[in-house]
Protein backbone atom coordinates (compact mmCIF):
# COMPACT_ATOMS: atom_id res chain seq x y z
CA UNK A 1 -15.37 19.39 -10.42
CA UNK A 2 -15.16 15.69 -11.22
CA UNK A 3 -11.95 13.75 -11.46
CA UNK A 4 -11.20 10.44 -13.15
CA UNK A 5 -8.48 9.65 -10.60
CA UNK A 6 -9.66 7.29 -7.87
CA UNK A 7 -8.36 6.88 -4.33
CA UNK A 8 -7.46 3.51 -2.86
CA UNK A 9 -6.65 2.35 0.64
CA UNK A 10 -3.88 -0.23 0.66
CA UNK A 11 -3.86 -3.26 2.98
CA UNK A 12 -3.03 -2.62 6.63
CA UNK A 13 0.69 -3.36 6.85
CA UNK A 14 0.86 -3.56 10.65
CA UNK A 15 -0.41 -6.03 13.24
CA UNK A 16 -3.53 -4.66 14.89
CA UNK A 17 -5.81 -6.52 17.27
CA UNK A 18 -9.15 -7.79 15.98
CA UNK A 19 -11.15 -5.03 17.68
CA UNK A 20 -8.94 -2.28 16.27
CA UNK A 21 -9.05 -3.75 12.77
CA UNK A 22 -12.83 -4.02 12.71
CA UNK A 23 -13.29 -0.53 14.14
CA UNK A 24 -10.85 0.85 11.59
CA UNK A 25 -12.70 -0.60 8.62
CA UNK A 26 -16.06 0.47 10.09
CA UNK A 27 -14.71 4.03 10.05
CA UNK A 28 -13.56 3.63 6.43
CA UNK A 29 -17.08 2.87 5.23
CA UNK A 30 -18.05 6.53 5.60
CA UNK A 31 -14.95 7.92 3.88
CA UNK A 32 -14.68 9.03 0.27
CA UNK A 33 -12.39 6.16 -0.70
CA UNK A 34 -13.07 4.25 -3.91
CA UNK A 35 -11.03 1.04 -3.58
CA UNK A 36 -10.13 -0.89 -0.42
CA UNK A 37 -7.45 -3.61 -0.34
CA UNK A 38 -7.78 -5.98 2.61
CA UNK A 39 -5.89 -8.99 3.92
CA UNK A 40 -2.55 -9.85 5.49
CA UNK A 41 0.44 -9.12 3.27
CA UNK A 42 3.37 -9.18 5.73
CA UNK A 43 3.24 -12.11 8.19
CA UNK A 44 1.04 -15.20 8.28
CA UNK A 45 1.26 -15.32 12.10
CA UNK A 46 -0.93 -12.23 12.23
CA UNK A 47 -4.34 -13.88 12.53
CA UNK A 48 -6.55 -11.28 14.17
CA UNK A 49 -9.02 -12.05 11.38
CA UNK A 50 -9.44 -15.43 9.68
CA UNK A 51 -10.42 -16.09 6.07
CA UNK A 52 -14.16 -15.99 6.80
CA UNK A 53 -13.74 -12.70 8.69
CA UNK A 54 -11.98 -11.11 5.73
CA UNK A 55 -14.74 -12.24 3.36
CA UNK A 56 -17.45 -10.85 5.65
CA UNK A 57 -15.54 -7.58 5.87
CA UNK A 58 -15.17 -7.50 2.08
CA UNK A 59 -18.93 -7.96 1.72
CA UNK A 60 -19.63 -5.10 4.14
CA UNK A 61 -17.28 -2.77 2.27
CA UNK A 62 -18.72 -3.82 -1.09
CA UNK A 63 -22.26 -3.21 0.16
CA UNK A 64 -21.13 0.29 1.16
CA UNK A 65 -20.15 0.98 -2.44
CA UNK A 66 -16.41 0.29 -2.27
CA UNK A 67 -14.45 -1.78 -4.77
CA UNK A 68 -12.81 -4.49 -2.65
CA UNK A 69 -9.60 -6.34 -3.49
CA UNK A 70 -8.16 -9.24 -1.44
CA UNK A 71 -4.38 -9.01 -1.02
CA UNK A 72 -2.02 -11.98 -0.74
CA UNK A 73 1.15 -12.46 1.31
CA UNK A 74 4.32 -10.97 -0.13
CA UNK A 75 6.74 -13.68 1.04
CA UNK A 76 5.51 -17.28 1.06
CA UNK A 77 7.71 -19.74 2.98
CA UNK A 78 5.52 -22.65 4.08
CA UNK A 79 2.81 -25.01 2.94
CA UNK A 80 0.22 -23.30 5.15
CA UNK A 81 1.06 -19.93 3.61
CA UNK A 82 0.78 -21.45 0.15
CA UNK A 83 -2.63 -22.82 1.07
CA UNK A 84 -3.73 -19.40 2.31
CA UNK A 85 -2.65 -17.81 -0.96
CA UNK A 86 -4.55 -20.42 -2.99
CA UNK A 87 -7.73 -19.85 -0.99
CA UNK A 88 -7.56 -16.12 -1.61
CA UNK A 89 -6.89 -16.57 -5.32
CA UNK A 90 -9.74 -19.08 -5.65
CA UNK A 91 -12.30 -17.08 -3.63
CA UNK A 92 -14.41 -16.50 -6.77
CA UNK A 93 -16.13 -13.38 -5.39
CA UNK A 94 -13.56 -10.61 -5.12
CA UNK A 95 -10.61 -9.60 -7.26
CA UNK A 96 -7.12 -10.29 -5.92
CA UNK A 97 -3.91 -8.30 -5.51
CA UNK A 98 -1.06 -10.71 -6.24
CA UNK A 99 2.01 -9.84 -4.20
CA UNK A 100 4.23 -12.66 -5.38
CA UNK A 101 4.59 -14.63 -8.61
CA UNK A 102 3.07 -17.73 -7.04
CA UNK A 103 -0.22 -15.86 -6.79
CA UNK A 104 0.18 -14.65 -10.38
CA UNK A 105 0.67 -18.25 -11.50
CA UNK A 106 -2.45 -19.31 -9.59
CA UNK A 107 -4.55 -16.54 -11.15
CA UNK A 108 -3.13 -16.49 -14.68
CA UNK A 109 -5.71 -17.29 -17.30
CA UNK A 110 -8.41 -17.85 -14.69
CA UNK A 111 -9.17 -14.57 -12.97
CA UNK A 112 -8.35 -10.90 -13.54
CA UNK A 113 -5.90 -9.58 -10.94
CA UNK A 114 -3.98 -6.57 -9.63
CA UNK A 115 -0.18 -6.66 -9.47
CA UNK A 116 0.98 -5.43 -6.08
CA UNK A 117 4.03 -3.16 -5.67
CA UNK A 118 6.24 -6.05 -4.53
CA UNK A 119 6.05 -7.71 -7.98
CA UNK A 120 8.67 -5.17 -9.12
CA UNK A 121 7.32 -4.22 -12.54
CA UNK A 122 9.97 -1.94 -14.03
CA UNK A 123 9.14 -1.89 -17.73
CA UNK A 124 6.29 -2.06 -20.22
CA UNK A 125 7.41 -5.49 -21.46
CA UNK A 126 6.71 -7.07 -18.09
CA UNK A 127 3.41 -5.25 -17.94
CA UNK A 128 2.47 -6.62 -21.36
CA UNK A 129 3.26 -10.22 -20.39
CA UNK A 130 1.21 -9.95 -17.20
CA UNK A 131 -1.68 -8.28 -19.05
CA UNK A 132 -1.80 -11.27 -21.38
CA UNK A 133 -2.40 -13.44 -18.30
CA UNK A 134 -5.19 -11.34 -16.76
CA UNK A 135 -3.59 -8.24 -15.22
CA UNK A 136 -6.03 -5.33 -15.05
CA UNK A 137 -4.15 -2.96 -12.73
CA UNK A 138 -0.58 -2.61 -11.52
CA UNK A 139 0.80 -0.79 -8.50
CA UNK A 140 4.12 0.82 -9.36
CA UNK A 141 7.10 -0.15 -7.13
CA UNK A 142 7.56 2.64 -4.60
CA UNK A 143 11.05 3.50 -5.87
CA UNK A 144 9.96 4.25 -9.45
CA UNK A 145 10.33 7.90 -10.42
CA UNK A 146 7.89 10.00 -12.38
CA UNK A 147 9.84 9.61 -15.62
CA UNK A 148 9.97 5.81 -15.33
CA UNK A 149 6.22 5.57 -14.69
CA UNK A 150 5.57 8.02 -17.54
CA UNK A 151 7.68 5.95 -19.94
CA UNK A 152 5.78 2.78 -19.01
CA UNK A 153 2.50 4.63 -19.45
CA UNK A 154 3.34 5.34 -23.09
CA UNK A 155 3.38 1.59 -23.82
CA UNK A 156 0.79 0.48 -21.28
CA UNK A 157 -1.54 -2.24 -22.66
CA UNK A 158 -5.17 -1.30 -23.24
CA UNK A 159 -7.44 -2.03 -20.30
CA UNK A 160 -4.65 -1.83 -17.68
CA UNK A 161 -4.85 0.78 -14.92
CA UNK A 162 -1.88 2.32 -13.10
CA UNK A 163 -1.82 2.85 -9.34
CA UNK A 164 0.83 4.83 -7.43
CA UNK A 165 1.66 4.75 -3.70
CA UNK A 166 1.15 8.37 -2.59
CA UNK A 167 1.04 8.36 1.20
CA UNK A 168 2.49 6.32 4.05
CA UNK A 169 5.73 4.78 5.23
CA UNK A 170 7.40 3.13 2.25
CA UNK A 171 7.67 -0.68 2.29
CA UNK A 172 11.31 -1.10 1.27
CA UNK A 173 12.25 -4.74 1.80
CA UNK A 174 11.16 -8.15 3.11
CA UNK A 175 13.23 -10.82 4.81
CA UNK A 176 12.79 -14.36 6.11
CA UNK A 177 13.98 -12.97 9.46
CA UNK A 178 11.59 -11.14 11.79
CA UNK A 179 13.34 -7.94 12.82
CA UNK A 180 10.79 -7.05 15.50
CA UNK A 181 11.36 -10.39 17.24
CA UNK A 182 15.12 -9.91 16.93
CA UNK A 183 14.85 -6.48 18.55
CA UNK A 184 13.40 -8.28 21.58
CA UNK A 185 16.06 -11.03 21.46
CA UNK A 186 13.47 -13.59 20.42
CA UNK A 187 13.46 -16.12 17.58
CA UNK A 188 10.93 -15.66 14.81
CA UNK A 189 8.99 -18.79 15.82
CA UNK A 190 8.58 -17.44 19.36
CA UNK A 191 8.02 -13.76 18.60
CA UNK A 192 5.25 -13.45 21.25
CA UNK A 193 3.46 -11.16 18.79
CA UNK A 194 5.44 -8.10 19.80
CA UNK A 195 4.30 -6.40 16.57
CA UNK A 196 1.06 -5.70 18.46
CA UNK A 197 3.06 -3.27 20.60
CA UNK A 198 3.89 -1.12 17.58
CA UNK A 199 0.72 -0.13 15.69
CA UNK A 200 2.81 1.88 13.21
CA UNK A 201 6.00 -0.18 13.37
CA UNK A 202 9.12 -0.04 15.55
CA UNK A 203 11.19 3.05 14.84
CA UNK A 204 14.93 2.51 14.26
CA UNK A 205 17.24 5.48 14.85
CA UNK A 206 20.82 6.23 13.90
CA UNK A 207 23.54 6.79 16.52
CA UNK A 208 22.74 10.48 16.14
CA UNK A 209 19.16 9.64 17.21
CA UNK A 210 17.71 10.51 13.85
CA UNK A 211 14.76 8.37 12.75
CA UNK A 212 15.98 6.21 9.88
CA UNK A 213 13.87 3.09 9.33
CA UNK A 214 10.84 1.35 10.79
CA UNK A 215 10.82 -2.38 11.58
CA UNK A 216 7.52 -4.13 10.91
CA UNK A 217 8.08 -7.83 11.47
CA UNK A 218 9.80 -9.17 8.34
CA UNK A 219 9.21 -5.88 6.55
CA UNK A 220 11.52 -2.85 6.61
CA UNK A 221 9.94 0.54 6.02
CA UNK A 222 11.10 4.12 5.72
CA UNK A 223 10.79 6.22 8.87
CA UNK A 224 9.63 9.19 6.85
CA UNK A 225 6.23 8.97 5.22
CA UNK A 226 6.00 9.23 1.47
CA UNK A 227 3.71 12.16 0.66
CA UNK A 228 2.85 13.00 -2.94
CA UNK A 229 -0.03 15.36 -2.15
CA UNK A 230 1.77 18.17 -4.01
CA UNK A 231 2.44 15.92 -7.02
CA UNK A 232 -1.19 15.27 -7.96
CA UNK A 233 -0.95 17.46 -11.06
CA UNK A 234 2.05 15.50 -12.37
CA UNK A 235 0.30 12.21 -11.58
CA UNK A 236 -2.73 13.41 -13.52
CA UNK A 237 -0.63 14.56 -16.49
CA UNK A 238 0.95 11.13 -17.01
CA UNK A 239 -2.38 9.35 -16.75
CA UNK A 240 -2.22 7.63 -13.36
CA UNK A 241 -5.63 6.14 -12.54
CA UNK A 242 -5.44 5.35 -8.81
CA UNK A 243 -3.64 6.94 -5.84
CA UNK A 244 -2.87 4.58 -2.94
CA UNK A 245 -2.94 5.70 0.68
CA UNK A 246 -1.40 3.29 3.19
CA UNK A 247 -3.41 2.89 6.43
CA UNK A 248 -2.08 4.47 9.62
CA UNK A 249 -3.24 3.72 13.16
CA UNK A 250 -4.44 7.31 13.44
CA UNK A 251 -5.71 10.05 11.12
CA UNK A 252 -6.32 7.83 8.07
CA UNK A 253 -9.76 9.39 7.56
CA UNK A 254 -8.22 12.88 7.62
CA UNK A 255 -5.56 11.82 5.11
CA UNK A 256 -8.21 10.46 2.74
CA UNK A 257 -10.25 13.66 3.05
CA UNK A 258 -7.20 15.83 2.34
CA UNK A 259 -6.31 13.92 -0.82
CA UNK A 260 -9.93 14.06 -2.00
CA UNK A 261 -10.08 17.80 -1.33
CA UNK A 262 -6.89 18.31 -3.31
CA UNK A 263 -8.15 16.17 -6.19
CA UNK A 264 -11.32 18.28 -6.27
CA UNK A 265 -9.35 21.56 -5.98
CA UNK A 266 -11.04 22.41 -2.70
CA UNK A 267 -7.72 23.01 -0.95
CA UNK A 268 -4.50 24.72 -2.01
CA UNK A 269 -1.16 22.96 -2.42
CA UNK A 270 0.26 24.80 0.58
CA UNK A 271 -2.71 24.02 2.84
CA UNK A 272 -2.78 20.36 1.75
CA UNK A 273 0.91 19.93 2.48
CA UNK A 274 0.60 21.72 5.82
CA UNK A 275 -2.41 19.62 6.81
CA UNK A 276 -0.56 16.34 6.26
CA UNK A 277 2.82 17.51 7.60
CA UNK A 278 1.26 17.81 11.05
CA UNK A 279 0.52 14.07 10.96
CA UNK A 280 4.06 12.88 10.14
CA UNK A 281 6.25 13.18 13.28
CA UNK A 282 9.25 11.70 11.45
CA UNK A 283 8.80 13.96 8.44
CA UNK A 284 7.72 13.31 4.89
CA UNK A 285 9.59 12.49 1.68
CA UNK A 286 9.05 12.34 -2.08
CA UNK A 287 12.58 11.81 -3.36
CA UNK A 288 11.90 8.63 -5.31
CA UNK A 289 9.22 10.34 -7.39
CA UNK A 290 11.80 12.96 -8.37
CA UNK A 291 14.51 10.44 -9.21
CA UNK A 292 16.67 11.14 -6.17
CA UNK A 293 17.24 9.48 -2.77
CA UNK A 294 13.91 8.36 -1.39
CA UNK A 295 14.29 10.15 1.95
CA UNK A 296 14.68 13.57 0.30
CA UNK A 297 11.88 16.08 0.02
CA UNK A 298 11.37 18.33 -3.01
CA UNK A 299 9.19 21.34 -2.29
CA UNK A 300 6.78 22.19 -5.09
CA UNK A 301 6.43 25.85 -6.12
CA UNK A 302 3.77 27.55 -4.02
CA UNK A 303 4.26 25.22 -1.04
CA UNK A 304 7.00 27.10 0.79
């Protein structure tokens, strides 16, 4: 069975050491992933790889048959960060995922680009305006429900693909303050790179000791992992083109394989859900897709 839906691997959202990053992407080469987004999107202080390293990595992934997209920072606060964004947008060799409007402005009319989930595209009108300036694919904001995405699909401009975040901790918000540094009673400018201590973010619990959020530098994530493995049929029905998996420090290859097996009907809904549930110690969620609170989980028929 063939399937028009492609799988993408989003940018690594956490701070991993150089060795771990390079080993991770070496392992991705042999996976059945179609599109790989690379680059730092959260904090410019995370410099395990420099610009030349990212380009070399992009070339290796491209040579292995992957479509490679360079991702920009989500929150730009300084001249050096602006310069980094400009260099990525002007690379001239690989397409770019714009994660803020500054990057869109840099790319508009010059290069085709992907709109990252942080651009907050909530209607077809916005999509149309961006398409007129070179947009070729958009990643739906993680809080958009199935109906909202479906409605936008009905008016989607020709030549524009739709990508949906289907697995991983949900990136919920960004701040000028570094929450990981604050958790260690340190200022942002002297964070001592404590994010390296948390390869999947720093878990934040309620007073009842229930996992609630995850702190990832200036980014706040959900503690539960979004998992739309049982929603593939509904994603297919409304014409979604790409399913995004967010990298984890462990089991990413298994997650990719499970989604591919489900896309190819080689695994049942129940077995797919069970396979991924074992990898989410804080539980999974799909509430946003169903138009309810994001942390809720709706069980599809046949998955009990």
